Amino acid sequence: MPSGTRAASPADTPASQPTPAKIFVHVVGEVAKPGLVELAPGTRVAEAVTAAGGATPAAVLDAVNLARVTSDGEQIVVPNAEQVAAGIQTSPSAVQSTSEGASQGPSGSLVNLNTADAALLETLPRIGPSLAQRILDWRQANGAFATIDQLMEVSGVGAKTFEGLRERVTV
């Protein structure tokens, strides 16, 4: 050991819960088998993508930090070219936006109702494929959302769903 350094003793390490034997990560977007994958702690994003069946030909892996270590409960979005152009956030450390404003990802940042595609909308709570499509259909028929309150005009978005989305979306 170099001079001036020493090994940490148990008294030096902070008290914490034991490291879990496995973690769960939700991999979505351009992967062969989107969904929940079980990984060992310390697993890299590249391994999570592989565990989800690997990237599809449409995936833009340059938009994903494949070297980042995953954490339990996170969601990884593997985007396609259209999603990259829309500024979709693919990980907690990736901060991107579009010229129209925030259109980011599911890891705690806002999703722009005017630029999000179905895959990104489906990362929101209570939004499945059919409701995501109805949101896109509303946008096509009515133009851009002027306020997030207009989300209530979409068939299938009631008060409970809206309350769950209010803090997660923007226009």
C-alpha atoms as a PDB file:
ATOM      1  CA  MET A   1       0.000   0.000   0.000  1.00  0.00           C
ATOM      2  CA  PRO A   2       1.432   3.463  -0.845  1.00  0.00           C
ATOM      3  CA  SER A   3       2.582   5.509   2.108  1.00  0.00           C
ATOM      4  CA  GLY A   4      -0.078   7.805   3.515  1.00  0.00           C
ATOM      5  CA  THR A   5      -2.932   5.421   2.692  1.00  0.00           C
ATOM      6  CA  ARG A   6      -4.522   2.769   4.794  1.00  0.00           C
ATOM      7  CA  ALA A   7      -7.243   0.216   4.441  1.00  0.00           C
ATOM      8  CA  ALA A   8     -10.640   1.272   5.733  1.00  0.00           C
ATOM      9  CA  SER A   9     -11.576  -0.400   8.967  1.00  0.00           C
ATOM     10  CA  PRO A  10     -15.187  -1.265   9.812  1.00  0.00           C
ATOM     11  CA  ALA A  11     -15.319   1.858  11.985  1.00  0.00           C
ATOM     12  CA  ASP A  12     -14.396   3.973   8.919  1.00  0.00           C
ATOM     13  CA  THR A  13     -17.189   2.712   6.688  1.00  0.00           C
ATOM     14  CA  PRO A  14     -20.647   4.235   7.025  1.00  0.00           C
ATOM     15  CA  ALA A  15     -23.364   2.040   8.445  1.00  0.00           C
ATOM     16  CA  SER A  16     -25.638   0.984   5.636  1.00  0.00           C
ATOM     17  CA  GLN A  17     -27.914  -1.787   4.589  1.00  0.00           C
ATOM     18  CA  PRO A  18     -26.255  -4.815   3.016  1.00  0.00           C
ATOM     19  CA  THR A  19     -25.823  -4.754  -0.753  1.00  0.00           C
ATOM     20  CA  PRO A  20     -28.728  -6.591  -2.408  1.00  0.00           C
ATOM     21  CA  ALA A  21     -27.935  -9.867  -4.169  1.00  0.00           C
ATOM     22  CA  LYS A  22     -29.838  -8.674  -7.235  1.00  0.00           C
ATOM     23  CA  ILE A  23     -31.371  -5.524  -8.660  1.00  0.00           C
ATOM     24  CA  PHE A  24     -34.208  -4.957 -11.097  1.00  0.00           C
ATOM     25  CA  VAL A  25     -34.000  -2.559 -14.036  1.00  0.00           C
ATOM     26  CA  HIS A  26     -36.758  -1.727 -16.548  1.00  0.00           C
ATOM     27  CA  VAL A  27     -35.331  -1.652 -20.087  1.00  0.00           C
ATOM     28  CA  VAL A  28     -37.643  -0.129 -22.729  1.00  0.00           C
ATOM     29  CA  GLY A  29     -37.487   1.195 -26.251  1.00  0.00           C
ATOM     30  CA  GLU A  30     -35.458  -0.356 -29.035  1.00  0.00           C
ATOM     31  CA  VAL A  31     -34.606  -3.699 -27.422  1.00  0.00           C
ATOM     32  CA  ALA A  32     -35.741  -7.170 -28.486  1.00  0.00           C
ATOM     33  CA  LYS A  33     -37.494  -7.973 -25.195  1.00  0.00           C
ATOM     34  CA  PRO A  34     -38.481  -4.764 -23.370  1.00  0.00           C
ATOM     35  CA  GLY A  35     -39.320  -5.236 -19.740  1.00  0.00           C
ATOM     36  CA  LEU A  36     -37.951  -5.894 -16.300  1.00  0.00           C
ATOM     37  CA  VAL A  37     -34.526  -7.546 -16.108  1.00  0.00           C
ATOM     38  CA  GLU A  38     -32.837  -9.008 -13.047  1.00  0.00           C
ATOM     39  CA  LEU A  39     -29.161  -8.076 -12.697  1.00  0.00           C
ATOM     40  CA  ALA A  40     -26.309  -8.261 -10.231  1.00  0.00           C
ATOM     41  CA  PRO A  41     -25.411  -5.034  -8.405  1.00  0.00           C
ATOM     42  CA  GLY A  42     -22.738  -3.115 -10.311  1.00  0.00           C
ATOM     43  CA  THR A  43     -24.014  -4.228 -13.715  1.00  0.00           C
ATOM     44  CA  ARG A  44     -23.428  -1.820 -16.601  1.00  0.00           C
ATOM     45  CA  VAL A  45     -26.158  -0.474 -18.899  1.00  0.00           C
ATOM     46  CA  ALA A  46     -24.648  -2.500 -21.783  1.00  0.00           C
ATOM     47  CA  GLU A  47     -25.320  -5.701 -19.859  1.00  0.00           C
ATOM     48  CA  ALA A  48     -28.878  -4.580 -19.076  1.00  0.00           C
ATOM     49  CA  VAL A  49     -29.526  -4.026 -22.799  1.00  0.00           C
ATOM     50  CA  THR A  50     -28.139  -7.495 -23.540  1.00  0.00           C
ATOM     51  CA  ALA A  51     -30.338  -8.994 -20.810  1.00  0.00           C
ATOM     52  CA  ALA A  52     -33.335  -7.394 -22.564  1.00  0.00           C
ATOM     53  CA  GLY A  53     -32.537  -9.330 -25.724  1.00  0.00           C
ATOM     54  CA  GLY A  54     -30.111  -6.831 -27.215  1.00  0.00           C
ATOM     55  CA  ALA A  55     -30.664  -3.690 -29.224  1.00  0.00           C
ATOM     56  CA  THR A  56     -32.878  -3.712 -32.310  1.00  0.00           C
ATOM     57  CA  PRO A  57     -31.489  -2.480 -35.650  1.00  0.00           C
ATOM     58  CA  ALA A  58     -33.313   0.841 -35.084  1.00  0.00           C
ATOM     59  CA  ALA A  59     -31.559   1.497 -31.757  1.00  0.00           C
ATOM     60  CA  VAL A  60     -29.237   4.491 -31.444  1.00  0.00           C
ATOM     61  CA  LEU A  61     -26.798   3.169 -28.858  1.00  0.00           C
ATOM     62  CA  ASP A  62     -24.608   6.278 -29.102  1.00  0.00           C
ATOM     63  CA  ALA A  63     -27.394   8.093 -27.218  1.00  0.00           C
ATOM     64  CA  VAL A  64     -27.077   5.713 -24.251  1.00  0.00           C
ATOM     65  CA  ASN A  65     -24.181   5.668 -21.783  1.00  0.00           C
ATOM     66  CA  LEU A  66     -23.522   1.939 -21.994  1.00  0.00           C
ATOM     67  CA  ALA A  67     -20.692   2.160 -19.446  1.00  0.00           C
ATOM     68  CA  ARG A  68     -22.836   3.608 -16.639  1.00  0.00           C
ATOM     69  CA  VAL A  69     -23.509   1.375 -13.639  1.00  0.00           C
ATOM     70  CA  THR A  70     -27.212   0.611 -13.217  1.00  0.00           C
ATOM     71  CA  SER A  71     -29.156   1.074 -10.008  1.00  0.00           C
ATOM     72  CA  ASP A  72     -32.106  -0.817  -8.586  1.00  0.00           C
ATOM     73  CA  GLY A  73     -35.482   0.404  -9.798  1.00  0.00           C
ATOM     74  CA  GLU A  74     -34.271   2.561 -12.667  1.00  0.00           C
ATOM     75  CA  GLN A  75     -35.590   2.618 -16.197  1.00  0.00           C
ATOM     76  CA  ILE A  76     -33.300   2.627 -19.231  1.00  0.00           C
ATOM     77  CA  VAL A  77     -34.672   3.938 -22.529  1.00  0.00           C
ATOM     78  CA  VAL A  78     -32.922   2.715 -25.688  1.00  0.00           C
ATOM     79  CA  PRO A  79     -34.086   5.275 -28.269  1.00  0.00           C
ATOM     80  CA  ASN A  80     -34.457   5.218 -32.033  1.00  0.00           C
ATOM     81  CA  ALA A  81     -33.337   8.090 -34.292  1.00  0.00           C
ATOM     82  CA  GLU A  82     -36.702   9.875 -34.070  1.00  0.00           C
ATOM     83  CA  GLN A  83     -36.620   9.792 -30.271  1.00  0.00           C
ATOM     84  CA  VAL A  84     -33.052  11.104 -30.220  1.00  0.00           C
ATOM     85  CA  ALA A  85     -34.113  13.973 -32.482  1.00  0.00           C
ATOM     86  CA  ALA A  86     -36.981  14.700 -30.053  1.00  0.00           C
ATOM     87  CA  GLY A  87     -34.509  14.908 -27.174  1.00  0.00           C
ATOM     88  CA  ILE A  88     -35.620  11.890 -25.172  1.00  0.00           C
ATOM     89  CA  GLN A  89     -33.646  11.341 -21.983  1.00  0.00           C
ATOM     90  CA  THR A  90     -32.212   7.837 -21.836  1.00  0.00           C
ATOM     91  CA  SER A  91     -30.765   7.734 -18.344  1.00  0.00           C
ATOM     92  CA  PRO A  92     -30.653   9.681 -15.099  1.00  0.00           C
ATOM     93  CA  SER A  93     -27.384  11.340 -16.103  1.00  0.00           C
ATOM     94  CA  ALA A  94     -28.400  12.267 -19.646  1.00  0.00           C
ATOM     95  CA  VAL A  95     -29.952  15.709 -19.856  1.00  0.00           C
ATOM     96  CA  GLN A  96     -31.275  16.605 -23.268  1.00  0.00           C
ATOM     97  CA  SER A  97     -33.972  18.890 -24.570  1.00  0.00           C
ATOM     98  CA  THR A  98     -35.529  19.915 -27.836  1.00  0.00           C
ATOM     99  CA  SER A  99     -35.750  23.382 -29.278  1.00  0.00           C
ATOM    100  CA  GLU A 100     -39.434  23.362 -28.274  1.00  0.00           C
ATOM    101  CA  GLY A 101     -38.599  22.688 -24.627  1.00  0.00           C
ATOM    102  CA  ALA A 102     -38.348  19.705 -22.337  1.00  0.00           C
ATOM    103  CA  SER A 103     -39.076  16.325 -23.875  1.00  0.00           C
ATOM    104  CA  GLN A 104     -37.107  14.166 -21.592  1.00  0.00           C
ATOM    105  CA  GLY A 105     -37.390  10.773 -20.087  1.00  0.00           C
ATOM    106  CA  PRO A 106     -38.957   8.706 -17.403  1.00  0.00           C
ATOM    107  CA  SER A 107     -36.241   8.925 -14.804  1.00  0.00           C
ATOM    108  CA  GLY A 108     -37.757  11.793 -12.893  1.00  0.00           C
ATOM    109  CA  SER A 109     -37.785  14.421 -15.622  1.00  0.00           C
ATOM    110  CA  LEU A 110     -40.759  15.770 -17.541  1.00  0.00           C
ATOM    111  CA  VAL A 111     -42.222  14.246 -20.695  1.00  0.00           C
ATOM    112  CA  ASN A 112     -43.354  16.778 -23.295  1.00  0.00           C
ATOM    113  CA  LEU A 113     -46.863  15.878 -24.468  1.00  0.00           C
ATOM    114  CA  ASN A 114     -46.231  17.641 -27.782  1.00  0.00           C
ATOM    115  CA  THR A 115     -43.072  15.768 -28.771  1.00  0.00           C
ATOM    116  CA  ALA A 116     -43.254  12.386 -27.016  1.00  0.00           C
ATOM    117  CA  ASP A 117     -43.889   9.247 -29.041  1.00  0.00           C
ATOM    118  CA  ALA A 118     -45.932   6.254 -27.862  1.00  0.00           C
ATOM    119  CA  ALA A 119     -42.929   4.471 -26.314  1.00  0.00           C
ATOM    120  CA  LEU A 120     -42.070   7.486 -24.170  1.00  0.00           C
ATOM    121  CA  LEU A 121     -45.699   8.062 -23.164  1.00  0.00           C
ATOM    122  CA  GLU A 122     -45.896   4.426 -22.053  1.00  0.00           C
ATOM    123  CA  THR A 123     -43.153   5.080 -19.500  1.00  0.00           C
ATOM    124  CA  LEU A 124     -45.628   7.245 -17.577  1.00  0.00           C
ATOM    125  CA  PRO A 125     -47.822   5.762 -14.834  1.00  0.00           C
ATOM    126  CA  ARG A 126     -51.220   4.426 -15.976  1.00  0.00           C
ATOM    127  CA  ILE A 127     -50.326   4.896 -19.676  1.00  0.00           C
ATOM    128  CA  GLY A 128     -50.418   1.710 -21.723  1.00  0.00           C
ATOM    129  CA  PRO A 129     -50.206   1.259 -25.494  1.00  0.00           C
ATOM    130  CA  SER A 130     -53.861   2.095 -26.188  1.00  0.00           C
ATOM    131  CA  LEU A 131     -53.931   5.253 -24.053  1.00  0.00           C
ATOM    132  CA  ALA A 132     -50.594   6.376 -25.506  1.00  0.00           C
ATOM    133  CA  GLN A 133     -52.118   5.994 -28.981  1.00  0.00           C
ATOM    134  CA  ARG A 134     -55.209   7.991 -27.957  1.00  0.00           C
ATOM    135  CA  ILE A 135     -52.929  10.798 -26.734  1.00  0.00           C
ATOM    136  CA  LEU A 136     -51.126  10.779 -30.095  1.00  0.00           C
ATOM    137  CA  ASP A 137     -54.477  10.681 -31.932  1.00  0.00           C
ATOM    138  CA  TRP A 138     -55.738  13.663 -29.888  1.00  0.00           C
ATOM    139  CA  ARG A 139     -52.566  15.578 -30.724  1.00  0.00           C
ATOM    140  CA  GLN A 140     -52.962  14.773 -34.435  1.00  0.00           C
ATOM    141  CA  ALA A 141     -56.621  15.842 -34.461  1.00  0.00           C
ATOM    142  CA  ASN A 142     -56.292  18.948 -32.274  1.00  0.00           C
ATOM    143  CA  GLY A 143     -52.727  20.126 -32.717  1.00  0.00           C
ATOM    144  CA  ALA A 144     -50.272  20.709 -29.916  1.00  0.00           C
ATOM    145  CA  PHE A 145     -51.382  20.667 -26.304  1.00  0.00           C
ATOM    146  CA  ALA A 146     -51.565  24.273 -25.070  1.00  0.00           C
ATOM    147  CA  THR A 147     -51.783  23.236 -21.408  1.00  0.00           C
ATOM    148  CA  ILE A 148     -51.374  19.962 -19.545  1.00  0.00           C
ATOM    149  CA  ASP A 149     -55.019  20.313 -18.459  1.00  0.00           C
ATOM    150  CA  GLN A 150     -56.022  19.467 -22.046  1.00  0.00           C
ATOM    151  CA  LEU A 151     -54.860  15.925 -21.319  1.00  0.00           C
ATOM    152  CA  MET A 152     -58.241  15.514 -19.583  1.00  0.00           C
ATOM    153  CA  GLU A 153     -59.860  15.799 -23.041  1.00  0.00           C
ATOM    154  CA  VAL A 154     -58.252  12.508 -24.105  1.00  0.00           C
ATOM    155  CA  SER A 155     -60.626   9.553 -23.795  1.00  0.00           C
ATOM    156  CA  GLY A 156     -59.457   7.388 -20.912  1.00  0.00           C
ATOM    157  CA  VAL A 157     -57.719  10.134 -18.946  1.00  0.00           C
ATOM    158  CA  GLY A 158     -59.819  10.706 -15.856  1.00  0.00           C
ATOM    159  CA  ALA A 159     -59.105  12.700 -12.729  1.00  0.00           C
ATOM    160  CA  LYS A 160     -57.103   9.915 -11.070  1.00  0.00           C
ATOM    161  CA  THR A 161     -54.895   9.320 -14.113  1.00  0.00           C
ATOM    162  CA  PHE A 162     -54.438  13.055 -14.623  1.00  0.00           C
ATOM    163  CA  GLU A 163     -53.358  13.587 -11.012  1.00  0.00           C
ATOM    164  CA  GLY A 164     -50.726  10.871 -11.445  1.00  0.00           C
ATOM    165  CA  LEU A 165     -49.418  12.590 -14.580  1.00  0.00           C
ATOM    166  CA  ARG A 166     -49.657  16.270 -13.602  1.00  0.00           C
ATOM    167  CA  GLU A 167     -46.132  16.475 -12.130  1.00  0.00           C
ATOM    168  CA  ARG A 168     -44.583  14.269 -14.829  1.00  0.00           C
ATOM    169  CA  VAL A 169     -45.605  16.042 -18.042  1.00  0.00           C
ATOM    170  CA  THR A 170     -45.109  19.402 -19.707  1.00  0.00           C
ATOM    171  CA  VAL A 171     -46.105  21.154 -22.955  1.00  0.00           C
END
